[in-house]
Amino acid sequence: MLAAYVTHFDQQDPLAGLTVGDLPAPEARENWSVVDVRAASLNHHDLWSLRGVGLRAEQLPMILGTDAAGIAPDGTEVVVHGVIGADGHGVGPSESRTLLSEKYAGTLAEQVAVPTKNLVPKPPELTFVEAACLPTAWLTAYRMLFTVAGLAPGDRVLVQGAGGGVASAATRLASAAGVEVFVTSRSSAKRARALQNGASAVFEPGARLPARVDAVIETVGQATWSHSMRSVRPGGTVVVAGATSGDASPAELSRIFFQEITVRGVTMGSREDLAALLRFLARTDVRPTIDEVLPLAQAAAGLARLDAGEQYGKIVLTT
């Protein structure tokens, strides 16, 4: 089968270690299902894997990808939940949590094997391309906004960095839920796109906001951390799901304890969160922002665009 996979690590040029070619198809086993992938989306996790973060050389070649939608062995249309382990989903209750492409082969392939309990029915209202955008970025955004920050209609949120998959998802979801959304970006074009996607107001990074927010969606890290700390109200929450600009330093601990700010980390979400997200989209007109759709054979072009930060929304590969 055709797949996009890591053959060696390169910190400076991650795409140098990418190969798109044939690998053996996965085999069915007890409590697992082999899904025929129809669409899979890219994430920064794929670029980190190419740099060797979370992988060891002896695990290579490793198929990339954490997101997919496709056809289950019984012919049903499904979305793959990419979190494996921790709750006994076909791998035993004592196995620690990993994501697809960290221990088990990922989704950037014509087929992927996953625990059968990790398959969630795809609503007919969503296309395969739309559904493939959800299990990492959109699931993470949903959990950040509603499960962790507990935002409700009338609340206010700051989304740092308009162009990323989690950020654009958070903008769409929060707006649809009646939350006032502030968005930052260095790019005027991306700020304009954020307004089109439901943002109430947009700002350059570090700009003073008209009011403090109840929560901050933080995926940028070092470049925006201080602004996030200054922008959240006392008693508010900063939810962290990434650090694309590096770890924050200093952490501003004095501000955190004096203003009783909650800092919470999120890595994707539960199967139940994914099912709730799918219901949310099926019952509304909210759909993922698609930056580009490419065939699997052009995975290198999609990852290069992601690495350059040129995208707005999700890049999806189809088979």
C-alpha atoms as a PDB file:
ATOM      1  CA  MET A   1       0.000   0.000   0.000  1.00  0.00           C
ATOM      2  CA  LEU A   2       1.045   3.618  -0.482  1.00  0.00           C
ATOM      3  CA  ALA A   3       2.120   5.404   2.697  1.00  0.00           C
ATOM      4  CA  ALA A   4       4.017   8.479   3.912  1.00  0.00           C
ATOM      5  CA  TYR A   5       6.561   7.483   6.540  1.00  0.00           C
ATOM      6  CA  VAL A   6       9.724   8.460   8.420  1.00  0.00           C
ATOM      7  CA  THR A   7      12.949   6.768   7.333  1.00  0.00           C
ATOM      8  CA  HIS A   8      15.417   8.901   9.321  1.00  0.00           C
ATOM      9  CA  PHE A   9      15.399  12.003  11.519  1.00  0.00           C
ATOM     10  CA  ASP A  10      16.622  15.464  10.578  1.00  0.00           C
ATOM     11  CA  GLN A  11      16.205  18.331  13.061  1.00  0.00           C
ATOM     12  CA  GLN A  12      17.094  21.043  10.555  1.00  0.00           C
ATOM     13  CA  ASP A  13      15.337  19.659   7.472  1.00  0.00           C
ATOM     14  CA  PRO A  14      12.538  17.350   8.673  1.00  0.00           C
ATOM     15  CA  LEU A  15      11.263  16.633   5.172  1.00  0.00           C
ATOM     16  CA  ALA A  16      14.604  15.029   4.307  1.00  0.00           C
ATOM     17  CA  GLY A  17      13.542  11.989   6.326  1.00  0.00           C
ATOM     18  CA  LEU A  18      10.159  11.589   4.613  1.00  0.00           C
ATOM     19  CA  THR A  19       9.472   8.804   2.136  1.00  0.00           C
ATOM     20  CA  VAL A  20       6.255   8.305   0.179  1.00  0.00           C
ATOM     21  CA  GLY A  21       6.196   4.773  -1.155  1.00  0.00           C
ATOM     22  CA  ASP A  22       4.936   1.224  -0.731  1.00  0.00           C
ATOM     23  CA  LEU A  23       4.832  -0.591   2.603  1.00  0.00           C
ATOM     24  CA  PRO A  24       3.090  -3.826   3.623  1.00  0.00           C
ATOM     25  CA  ALA A  25      -0.618  -3.424   4.405  1.00  0.00           C
ATOM     26  CA  PRO A  26      -1.643  -3.898   8.056  1.00  0.00           C
ATOM     27  CA  GLU A  27      -3.035  -7.246   9.132  1.00  0.00           C
ATOM     28  CA  ALA A  28      -6.246  -7.723  11.086  1.00  0.00           C
ATOM     29  CA  ARG A  29      -5.937  -8.956  14.684  1.00  0.00           C
ATOM     30  CA  GLU A  30      -8.193  -9.517  17.653  1.00  0.00           C
ATOM     31  CA  ASN A  31      -9.989  -6.368  18.888  1.00  0.00           C
ATOM     32  CA  TRP A  32      -8.474  -4.303  16.062  1.00  0.00           C
ATOM     33  CA  SER A  33      -9.899  -3.246  12.687  1.00  0.00           C
ATOM     34  CA  VAL A  34      -8.225  -2.340   9.408  1.00  0.00           C
ATOM     35  CA  VAL A  35      -9.759   0.835   8.002  1.00  0.00           C
ATOM     36  CA  ASP A  36      -9.620   1.783   4.331  1.00  0.00           C
ATOM     37  CA  VAL A  37      -8.512   5.413   4.609  1.00  0.00           C
ATOM     38  CA  ARG A  38     -10.397   7.870   2.422  1.00  0.00           C
ATOM     39  CA  ALA A  39      -8.880  11.060   3.859  1.00  0.00           C
ATOM     40  CA  ALA A  40      -6.213  11.956   6.436  1.00  0.00           C
ATOM     41  CA  SER A  41      -5.180  15.418   7.621  1.00  0.00           C
ATOM     42  CA  LEU A  42      -1.747  16.760   8.527  1.00  0.00           C
ATOM     43  CA  ASN A  43      -0.668  18.105  11.904  1.00  0.00           C
ATOM     44  CA  HIS A  44       2.463  19.646  13.402  1.00  0.00           C
ATOM     45  CA  HIS A  45       2.826  16.334  15.219  1.00  0.00           C
ATOM     46  CA  ASP A  46       3.920  14.878  11.862  1.00  0.00           C
ATOM     47  CA  LEU A  47       6.718  17.437  11.570  1.00  0.00           C
ATOM     48  CA  TRP A  48       7.871  16.752  15.124  1.00  0.00           C
ATOM     49  CA  SER A  49       7.941  13.019  14.314  1.00  0.00           C
ATOM     50  CA  LEU A  50      10.166  13.732  11.309  1.00  0.00           C
ATOM     51  CA  ARG A  51      12.517  15.552  13.698  1.00  0.00           C
ATOM     52  CA  GLY A  52      12.621  12.503  15.974  1.00  0.00           C
ATOM     53  CA  VAL A  53      10.442  13.843  18.787  1.00  0.00           C
ATOM     54  CA  GLY A  54       8.577  10.932  20.389  1.00  0.00           C
ATOM     55  CA  LEU A  55      10.212   8.307  18.175  1.00  0.00           C
ATOM     56  CA  ARG A  56      13.362   6.199  18.341  1.00  0.00           C
ATOM     57  CA  ALA A  57      15.496   5.136  15.404  1.00  0.00           C
ATOM     58  CA  GLU A  58      14.706   1.464  15.992  1.00  0.00           C
ATOM     59  CA  GLN A  59      10.980   2.176  15.398  1.00  0.00           C
ATOM     60  CA  LEU A  60      11.580   3.277  11.812  1.00  0.00           C
ATOM     61  CA  PRO A  61      10.096   3.179   9.292  1.00  0.00           C
ATOM     62  CA  MET A  62       7.038   4.715  11.004  1.00  0.00           C
ATOM     63  CA  ILE A  63       3.946   5.775   9.080  1.00  0.00           C
ATOM     64  CA  LEU A  64       2.950   9.337   9.975  1.00  0.00           C
ATOM     65  CA  GLY A  65      -0.520  10.660  10.758  1.00  0.00           C
ATOM     66  CA  THR A  66      -2.969  10.792  13.653  1.00  0.00           C
ATOM     67  CA  ASP A  67      -6.197  11.725  11.819  1.00  0.00           C
ATOM     68  CA  ALA A  68      -8.301   9.731   9.378  1.00  0.00           C
ATOM     69  CA  ALA A  69     -11.783   8.979   8.128  1.00  0.00           C
ATOM     70  CA  GLY A  70     -12.637   5.966   6.031  1.00  0.00           C
ATOM     71  CA  ILE A  71     -14.453   2.675   5.665  1.00  0.00           C
ATOM     72  CA  ALA A  72     -14.519   0.004   8.393  1.00  0.00           C
ATOM     73  CA  PRO A  73     -14.417  -3.713   7.513  1.00  0.00           C
ATOM     74  CA  ASP A  74     -18.225  -3.942   7.817  1.00  0.00           C
ATOM     75  CA  GLY A  75     -18.664  -1.134   5.287  1.00  0.00           C
ATOM     76  CA  THR A  76     -19.615   1.625   7.724  1.00  0.00           C
ATOM     77  CA  GLU A  77     -18.162   5.126   7.411  1.00  0.00           C
ATOM     78  CA  VAL A  78     -16.023   5.937  10.452  1.00  0.00           C
ATOM     79  CA  VAL A  79     -13.735   8.515  12.010  1.00  0.00           C
ATOM     80  CA  VAL A  80     -10.576   7.232  13.692  1.00  0.00           C
ATOM     81  CA  HIS A  81      -9.883   8.312  17.267  1.00  0.00           C
ATOM     82  CA  GLY A  82      -6.095   8.519  17.288  1.00  0.00           C
ATOM     83  CA  VAL A  83      -5.419   8.127  21.034  1.00  0.00           C
ATOM     84  CA  ILE A  84      -4.327   4.573  21.820  1.00  0.00           C
ATOM     85  CA  GLY A  85      -4.102   2.993  25.268  1.00  0.00           C
ATOM     86  CA  ALA A  86      -4.734   4.298  28.793  1.00  0.00           C
ATOM     87  CA  ASP A  87      -8.332   3.025  28.767  1.00  0.00           C
ATOM     88  CA  GLY A  88      -7.868  -0.488  27.417  1.00  0.00           C
ATOM     89  CA  HIS A  89      -9.045   0.169  23.867  1.00  0.00           C
ATOM     90  CA  GLY A  90      -7.870  -3.134  22.443  1.00  0.00           C
ATOM     91  CA  VAL A  91      -4.359  -2.887  23.890  1.00  0.00           C
ATOM     92  CA  GLY A  92      -4.838  -3.696  27.573  1.00  0.00           C
ATOM     93  CA  PRO A  93      -5.746  -1.351  30.449  1.00  0.00           C
ATOM     94  CA  SER A  94      -2.169  -0.945  31.683  1.00  0.00           C
ATOM     95  CA  GLU A  95      -0.712   0.390  28.416  1.00  0.00           C
ATOM     96  CA  SER A  96       0.235   4.058  28.613  1.00  0.00           C
ATOM     97  CA  ARG A  97      -1.315   6.600  26.264  1.00  0.00           C
ATOM     98  CA  THR A  98       0.203   7.153  22.844  1.00  0.00           C
ATOM     99  CA  LEU A  99      -1.011   8.688  19.592  1.00  0.00           C
ATOM    100  CA  LEU A 100      -1.084   6.908  16.277  1.00  0.00           C
ATOM    101  CA  SER A 101       2.356   7.189  14.613  1.00  0.00           C
ATOM    102  CA  GLU A 102       4.142   7.108  17.993  1.00  0.00           C
ATOM    103  CA  LYS A 103       3.978   3.386  18.786  1.00  0.00           C
ATOM    104  CA  TYR A 104       1.514   2.092  16.205  1.00  0.00           C
ATOM    105  CA  ALA A 105       1.552   2.975  12.504  1.00  0.00           C
ATOM    106  CA  GLY A 106      -0.284   6.164  11.598  1.00  0.00           C
ATOM    107  CA  THR A 107      -2.963   7.238   9.157  1.00  0.00           C
ATOM    108  CA  LEU A 108      -1.048   8.676   6.172  1.00  0.00           C
ATOM    109  CA  ALA A 109      -1.582   5.457   4.231  1.00  0.00           C
ATOM    110  CA  GLU A 110      -4.173   3.661   2.187  1.00  0.00           C
ATOM    111  CA  GLN A 111      -5.023   1.540   5.244  1.00  0.00           C
ATOM    112  CA  VAL A 112      -4.574   1.869   9.003  1.00  0.00           C
ATOM    113  CA  ALA A 113      -5.081  -0.659  11.820  1.00  0.00           C
ATOM    114  CA  VAL A 114      -6.638   0.672  15.035  1.00  0.00           C
ATOM    115  CA  PRO A 115      -8.434  -0.755  18.070  1.00  0.00           C
ATOM    116  CA  THR A 116     -12.039  -1.347  17.043  1.00  0.00           C
ATOM    117  CA  LYS A 117     -13.251   0.750  20.003  1.00  0.00           C
ATOM    118  CA  ASN A 118     -11.407   3.719  18.484  1.00  0.00           C
ATOM    119  CA  LEU A 119     -13.827   3.859  15.553  1.00  0.00           C
ATOM    120  CA  VAL A 120     -16.564   6.481  15.822  1.00  0.00           C
ATOM    121  CA  PRO A 121     -19.427   6.533  13.285  1.00  0.00           C
ATOM    122  CA  LYS A 122     -19.081   9.345  10.763  1.00  0.00           C
ATOM    123  CA  PRO A 123     -22.248  11.433  10.481  1.00  0.00           C
ATOM    124  CA  PRO A 124     -23.585  11.475   6.907  1.00  0.00           C
ATOM    125  CA  GLU A 125     -23.666  15.277   7.088  1.00  0.00           C
ATOM    126  CA  LEU A 126     -19.852  15.357   6.975  1.00  0.00           C
ATOM    127  CA  THR A 127     -17.638  14.431   4.029  1.00  0.00           C
ATOM    128  CA  PHE A 128     -14.582  12.231   4.500  1.00  0.00           C
ATOM    129  CA  VAL A 129     -12.339  15.277   3.974  1.00  0.00           C
ATOM    130  CA  GLU A 130     -14.201  17.271   6.639  1.00  0.00           C
ATOM    131  CA  ALA A 131     -14.281  14.367   9.099  1.00  0.00           C
ATOM    132  CA  ALA A 132     -10.549  13.702   8.667  1.00  0.00           C
ATOM    133  CA  CYS A 133      -9.797  17.189  10.025  1.00  0.00           C
ATOM    134  CA  LEU A 134     -11.389  16.497  13.404  1.00  0.00           C
ATOM    135  CA  PRO A 135      -9.577  13.881  15.549  1.00  0.00           C
ATOM    136  CA  THR A 136      -6.536  16.002  16.455  1.00  0.00           C
ATOM    137  CA  ALA A 137      -6.925  19.758  15.902  1.00  0.00           C
ATOM    138  CA  TRP A 138     -10.705  20.038  16.199  1.00  0.00           C
ATOM    139  CA  LEU A 139     -10.961  17.517  19.013  1.00  0.00           C
ATOM    140  CA  THR A 140      -8.226  19.363  20.895  1.00  0.00           C
ATOM    141  CA  ALA A 141      -9.974  22.705  20.343  1.00  0.00           C
ATOM    142  CA  TYR A 142     -13.321  21.286  21.494  1.00  0.00           C
ATOM    143  CA  ARG A 143     -11.809  19.882  24.688  1.00  0.00           C
ATOM    144  CA  MET A 144      -9.880  23.091  25.375  1.00  0.00           C
ATOM    145  CA  LEU A 145     -12.923  25.312  24.975  1.00  0.00           C
ATOM    146  CA  PHE A 146     -15.720  23.327  26.569  1.00  0.00           C
ATOM    147  CA  THR A 147     -14.372  20.417  28.637  1.00  0.00           C
ATOM    148  CA  VAL A 148     -11.396  22.184  30.236  1.00  0.00           C
ATOM    149  CA  ALA A 149     -12.109  25.949  30.091  1.00  0.00           C
ATOM    150  CA  GLY A 150     -15.848  25.363  30.535  1.00  0.00           C
ATOM    151  CA  LEU A 151     -16.784  28.255  28.271  1.00  0.00           C
ATOM    152  CA  ALA A 152     -20.464  29.086  27.801  1.00  0.00           C
ATOM    153  CA  PRO A 153     -22.450  31.526  25.637  1.00  0.00           C
ATOM    154  CA  GLY A 154     -21.537  35.099  26.552  1.00  0.00           C
ATOM    155  CA  ASP A 155     -18.026  34.251  27.745  1.00  0.00           C
ATOM    156  CA  ARG A 156     -14.928  35.679  26.083  1.00  0.00           C
ATOM    157  CA  VAL A 157     -11.866  33.806  24.741  1.00  0.00           C
ATOM    158  CA  LEU A 158      -8.521  34.787  23.213  1.00  0.00           C
ATOM    159  CA  VAL A 159      -7.173  32.500  20.481  1.00  0.00           C
ATOM    160  CA  GLN A 160      -3.444  33.025  19.920  1.00  0.00           C
ATOM    161  CA  GLY A 161      -2.254  32.588  16.329  1.00  0.00           C
ATOM    162  CA  ALA A 162      -5.000  32.548  13.722  1.00  0.00           C
ATOM    163  CA  GLY A 163      -3.605  30.177  11.123  1.00  0.00           C
ATOM    164  CA  GLY A 164      -3.033  26.907  12.950  1.00  0.00           C
ATOM    165  CA  GLY A 165      -5.435  23.993  12.867  1.00  0.00           C
ATOM    166  CA  VAL A 166      -6.331  24.166  16.572  1.00  0.00           C
ATOM    167  CA  ALA A 167      -6.642  27.963  16.479  1.00  0.00           C
ATOM    168  CA  SER A 168      -8.935  28.079  13.448  1.00  0.00           C
ATOM    169  CA  ALA A 169     -11.029  25.242  14.890  1.00  0.00           C
ATOM    170  CA  ALA A 170     -11.335  27.028  18.230  1.00  0.00           C
ATOM    171  CA  THR A 171     -12.456  30.198  16.469  1.00  0.00           C
ATOM    172  CA  ARG A 172     -15.219  28.411  14.569  1.00  0.00           C
ATOM    173  CA  LEU A 173     -16.439  26.326  17.501  1.00  0.00           C
ATOM    174  CA  ALA A 174     -16.420  29.135  20.072  1.00  0.00           C
ATOM    175  CA  SER A 175     -18.206  31.535  17.754  1.00  0.00           C
ATOM    176  CA  ALA A 176     -20.892  28.952  16.958  1.00  0.00           C
ATOM    177  CA  ALA A 177     -21.406  28.406  20.700  1.00  0.00           C
ATOM    178  CA  GLY A 178     -22.030  32.110  21.353  1.00  0.00           C
ATOM    179  CA  VAL A 179     -18.609  32.905  22.814  1.00  0.00           C
ATOM    180  CA  GLU A 180     -16.953  36.247  21.996  1.00  0.00           C
ATOM    181  CA  VAL A 181     -13.693  35.429  20.221  1.00  0.00           C
ATOM    182  CA  PHE A 182     -10.543  37.568  20.042  1.00  0.00           C
ATOM    183  CA  VAL A 183      -7.847  36.303  17.657  1.00  0.00           C
ATOM    184  CA  THR A 184      -4.230  37.344  17.110  1.00  0.00           C
ATOM    185  CA  SER A 185      -1.985  36.873  14.079  1.00  0.00           C
ATOM    186  CA  ARG A 186       1.093  38.480  12.531  1.00  0.00           C
ATOM    187  CA  SER A 187      -0.558  38.183   9.106  1.00  0.00           C
ATOM    188  CA  SER A 188      -3.194  40.701   8.035  1.00  0.00           C
ATOM    189  CA  ALA A 189      -4.574  38.112   5.602  1.00  0.00           C
ATOM    190  CA  LYS A 190      -4.978  35.560   8.394  1.00  0.00           C
ATOM    191  CA  ARG A 191      -6.622  38.150  10.620  1.00  0.00           C
ATOM    192  CA  ALA A 192      -9.107  38.836   7.823  1.00  0.00           C
ATOM    193  CA  ARG A 193      -9.782  35.103   7.485  1.00  0.00           C
ATOM    194  CA  ALA A 194     -10.361  34.859  11.243  1.00  0.00           C
ATOM    195  CA  LEU A 195     -13.076  37.510  10.988  1.00  0.00           C
ATOM    196  CA  GLN A 196     -14.708  35.525   8.184  1.00  0.00           C
ATOM    197  CA  ASN A 197     -14.588  32.430  10.413  1.00  0.00           C
ATOM    198  CA  GLY A 198     -16.474  34.098  13.254  1.00  0.00           C
ATOM    199  CA  ALA A 199     -13.932  36.067  15.290  1.00  0.00           C
ATOM    200  CA  SER A 200     -15.431  39.095  17.036  1.00  0.00           C
ATOM    201  CA  ALA A 201     -12.210  41.099  16.732  1.00  0.00           C
ATOM    202  CA  VAL A 202      -8.634  40.515  15.578  1.00  0.00           C
ATOM    203  CA  PHE A 203      -5.326  41.957  16.789  1.00  0.00           C
ATOM    204  CA  GLU A 204      -1.614  41.914  16.089  1.00  0.00           C
ATOM    205  CA  PRO A 205       0.369  39.742  18.524  1.00  0.00           C
ATOM    206  CA  GLY A 206       0.898  41.449  21.868  1.00  0.00           C
ATOM    207  CA  ALA A 207      -1.751  44.119  21.286  1.00  0.00           C
ATOM    208  CA  ARG A 208      -3.747  45.397  24.242  1.00  0.00           C
ATOM    209  CA  LEU A 209      -7.226  43.894  24.185  1.00  0.00           C
ATOM    210  CA  PRO A 210     -10.396  45.895  24.859  1.00  0.00           C
ATOM    211  CA  ALA A 211     -11.214  43.590  27.773  1.00  0.00           C
ATOM    212  CA  ARG A 212      -9.678  40.659  29.589  1.00  0.00           C
ATOM    213  CA  VAL A 213     -10.832  37.210  28.575  1.00  0.00           C
ATOM    214  CA  ASP A 214     -12.198  34.260  30.525  1.00  0.00           C
ATOM    215  CA  ALA A 215      -9.838  31.835  28.797  1.00  0.00           C
ATOM    216  CA  VAL A 216      -6.903  31.750  26.401  1.00  0.00           C
ATOM    217  CA  ILE A 217      -6.326  29.080  23.761  1.00  0.00           C
ATOM    218  CA  GLU A 218      -2.529  28.857  23.697  1.00  0.00           C
ATOM    219  CA  THR A 219      -0.688  26.808  21.068  1.00  0.00           C
ATOM    220  CA  VAL A 220       2.144  29.213  20.195  1.00  0.00           C
ATOM    221  CA  GLY A 221       4.178  29.214  23.395  1.00  0.00           C
ATOM    222  CA  GLN A 222       7.154  31.495  23.938  1.00  0.00           C
ATOM    223  CA  ALA A 223       6.143  34.209  21.453  1.00  0.00           C
ATOM    224  CA  THR A 224       2.687  34.739  22.988  1.00  0.00           C
ATOM    225  CA  TRP A 225       2.905  33.470  26.566  1.00  0.00           C
ATOM    226  CA  SER A 226       3.418  36.835  28.247  1.00  0.00           C
ATOM    227  CA  HIS A 227       0.516  38.309  26.258  1.00  0.00           C
ATOM    228  CA  SER A 228      -1.688  35.392  27.297  1.00  0.00           C
ATOM    229  CA  MET A 229      -0.847  35.978  30.958  1.00  0.00           C
ATOM    230  CA  ARG A 230      -1.663  39.682  30.676  1.00  0.00           C
ATOM    231  CA  SER A 231      -4.889  39.087  28.754  1.00  0.00           C
ATOM    232  CA  VAL A 232      -6.672  36.538  30.956  1.00  0.00           C
ATOM    233  CA  ARG A 233      -8.854  37.802  33.786  1.00  0.00           C
ATOM    234  CA  PRO A 234      -8.109  36.964  37.436  1.00  0.00           C
ATOM    235  CA  GLY A 235      -9.385  33.459  38.048  1.00  0.00           C
ATOM    236  CA  GLY A 236      -9.402  32.694  34.327  1.00  0.00           C
ATOM    237  CA  THR A 237      -7.869  29.760  32.488  1.00  0.00           C
ATOM    238  CA  VAL A 238      -5.010  29.426  30.021  1.00  0.00           C
ATOM    239  CA  VAL A 239      -5.301  26.138  28.141  1.00  0.00           C
ATOM    240  CA  VAL A 240      -2.121  24.917  26.457  1.00  0.00           C
ATOM    241  CA  ALA A 241      -2.000  22.415  23.595  1.00  0.00           C
ATOM    242  CA  GLY A 242       1.265  23.286  21.895  1.00  0.00           C
ATOM    243  CA  ALA A 243       4.339  25.486  21.766  1.00  0.00           C
ATOM    244  CA  THR A 244       5.188  26.007  18.115  1.00  0.00           C
ATOM    245  CA  SER A 245       7.507  28.923  18.966  1.00  0.00           C
ATOM    246  CA  GLY A 246       9.217  27.093  21.831  1.00  0.00           C
ATOM    247  CA  ASP A 247       8.672  26.695  25.565  1.00  0.00           C
ATOM    248  CA  ALA A 248       7.584  29.788  27.431  1.00  0.00           C
ATOM    249  CA  SER A 249      10.256  31.451  29.560  1.00  0.00           C
ATOM    250  CA  PRO A 250       9.776  32.855  32.109  1.00  0.00           C
ATOM    251  CA  ALA A 251       6.526  31.202  33.229  1.00  0.00           C
ATOM    252  CA  GLU A 252       5.365  34.354  35.091  1.00  0.00           C
ATOM    253  CA  LEU A 253       4.545  32.343  38.196  1.00  0.00           C
ATOM    254  CA  SER A 254       3.938  35.454  40.302  1.00  0.00           C
ATOM    255  CA  ARG A 255       1.087  36.516  38.049  1.00  0.00           C
ATOM    256  CA  ILE A 256      -0.318  32.965  37.968  1.00  0.00           C
ATOM    257  CA  PHE A 257      -0.564  32.540  41.741  1.00  0.00           C
ATOM    258  CA  PHE A 258      -1.453  36.137  42.625  1.00  0.00           C
ATOM    259  CA  GLN A 259      -4.325  36.282  40.110  1.00  0.00           C
ATOM    260  CA  GLU A 260      -5.238  32.625  40.665  1.00  0.00           C
ATOM    261  CA  ILE A 261      -4.929  31.777  36.987  1.00  0.00           C
ATOM    262  CA  THR A 262      -5.443  28.152  36.037  1.00  0.00           C
ATOM    263  CA  VAL A 263      -3.027  26.676  33.486  1.00  0.00           C
ATOM    264  CA  ARG A 264      -4.164  23.377  31.959  1.00  0.00           C
ATOM    265  CA  GLY A 265      -2.635  21.169  29.321  1.00  0.00           C
ATOM    266  CA  VAL A 266      -4.607  19.273  26.682  1.00  0.00           C
ATOM    267  CA  THR A 267      -3.549  16.525  24.298  1.00  0.00           C
ATOM    268  CA  MET A 268      -6.416  15.755  21.942  1.00  0.00           C
ATOM    269  CA  GLY A 269      -9.423  14.330  23.830  1.00  0.00           C
ATOM    270  CA  SER A 270     -11.455  11.266  24.673  1.00  0.00           C
ATOM    271  CA  ARG A 271     -13.555   9.140  22.343  1.00  0.00           C
ATOM    272  CA  GLU A 272     -16.608  10.659  24.031  1.00  0.00           C
ATOM    273  CA  ASP A 273     -15.316  14.169  23.260  1.00  0.00           C
ATOM    274  CA  LEU A 274     -14.900  13.171  19.608  1.00  0.00           C
ATOM    275  CA  ALA A 275     -18.433  11.776  19.436  1.00  0.00           C
ATOM    276  CA  ALA A 276     -19.770  15.010  20.977  1.00  0.00           C
ATOM    277  CA  LEU A 277     -17.782  17.106  18.493  1.00  0.00           C
ATOM    278  CA  LEU A 278     -19.197  15.104  15.575  1.00  0.00           C
ATOM    279  CA  ARG A 279     -22.745  15.673  16.881  1.00  0.00           C
ATOM    280  CA  PHE A 280     -22.011  19.397  17.242  1.00  0.00           C
ATOM    281  CA  LEU A 281     -20.974  19.692  13.603  1.00  0.00           C
ATOM    282  CA  ALA A 282     -23.741  17.432  12.305  1.00  0.00           C
ATOM    283  CA  ARG A 283     -26.376  19.644  13.936  1.00  0.00           C
ATOM    284  CA  THR A 284     -24.877  22.975  12.838  1.00  0.00           C
ATOM    285  CA  ASP A 285     -23.410  24.476   9.691  1.00  0.00           C
ATOM    286  CA  VAL A 286     -19.934  24.595  11.265  1.00  0.00           C
ATOM    287  CA  ARG A 287     -17.350  22.843   9.113  1.00  0.00           C
ATOM    288  CA  PRO A 288     -13.551  22.642   9.262  1.00  0.00           C
ATOM    289  CA  THR A 289     -11.618  25.256   7.355  1.00  0.00           C
ATOM    290  CA  ILE A 290      -9.810  23.418   4.564  1.00  0.00           C
ATOM    291  CA  ASP A 291      -6.593  24.994   3.350  1.00  0.00           C
ATOM    292  CA  GLU A 292      -5.724  22.447   0.663  1.00  0.00           C
ATOM    293  CA  VAL A 293      -6.645  18.915  -0.446  1.00  0.00           C
ATOM    294  CA  LEU A 294      -3.873  16.831  -2.037  1.00  0.00           C
ATOM    295  CA  PRO A 295      -3.482  13.182  -3.049  1.00  0.00           C
ATOM    296  CA  LEU A 296      -1.498  11.017  -0.640  1.00  0.00           C
ATOM    297  CA  ALA A 297       1.307  10.825  -3.210  1.00  0.00           C
ATOM    298  CA  GLN A 298       1.890  14.566  -2.675  1.00  0.00           C
ATOM    299  CA  ALA A 299       2.323  14.303   1.096  1.00  0.00           C
ATOM    300  CA  ALA A 300       5.723  16.033   0.889  1.00  0.00           C
ATOM    301  CA  ALA A 301       4.164  19.155  -0.653  1.00  0.00           C
ATOM    302  CA  GLY A 302       1.520  19.309   2.064  1.00  0.00           C
ATOM    303  CA  LEU A 303       4.045  18.884   4.868  1.00  0.00           C
ATOM    304  CA  ALA A 304       6.311  21.535   3.332  1.00  0.00           C
ATOM    305  CA  ARG A 305       3.408  23.990   3.317  1.00  0.00           C
ATOM    306  CA  LEU A 306       2.645  23.160   6.944  1.00  0.00           C
ATOM    307  CA  ASP A 307       6.314  23.521   7.932  1.00  0.00           C
ATOM    308  CA  ALA A 308       6.471  26.953   6.274  1.00  0.00           C
ATOM    309  CA  GLY A 309       3.366  28.125   8.164  1.00  0.00           C
ATOM    310  CA  GLU A 310       1.642  29.077   4.926  1.00  0.00           C
ATOM    311  CA  GLN A 311      -1.643  27.286   5.649  1.00  0.00           C
ATOM    312  CA  TYR A 312      -4.903  28.586   7.069  1.00  0.00           C
ATOM    313  CA  GLY A 313      -6.876  25.645   8.354  1.00  0.00           C
ATOM    314  CA  LYS A 314      -6.275  22.001   7.578  1.00  0.00           C
ATOM    315  CA  ILE A 315      -4.258  20.308   4.835  1.00  0.00           C
ATOM    316  CA  VAL A 316      -5.872  17.009   3.864  1.00  0.00           C
ATOM    317  CA  LEU A 317      -4.503  14.039   1.914  1.00  0.00           C
ATOM    318  CA  THR A 318      -6.894  11.727   0.052  1.00  0.00           C
ATOM    319  CA  THR A 319      -6.469   8.177  -1.255  1.00  0.00           C
END
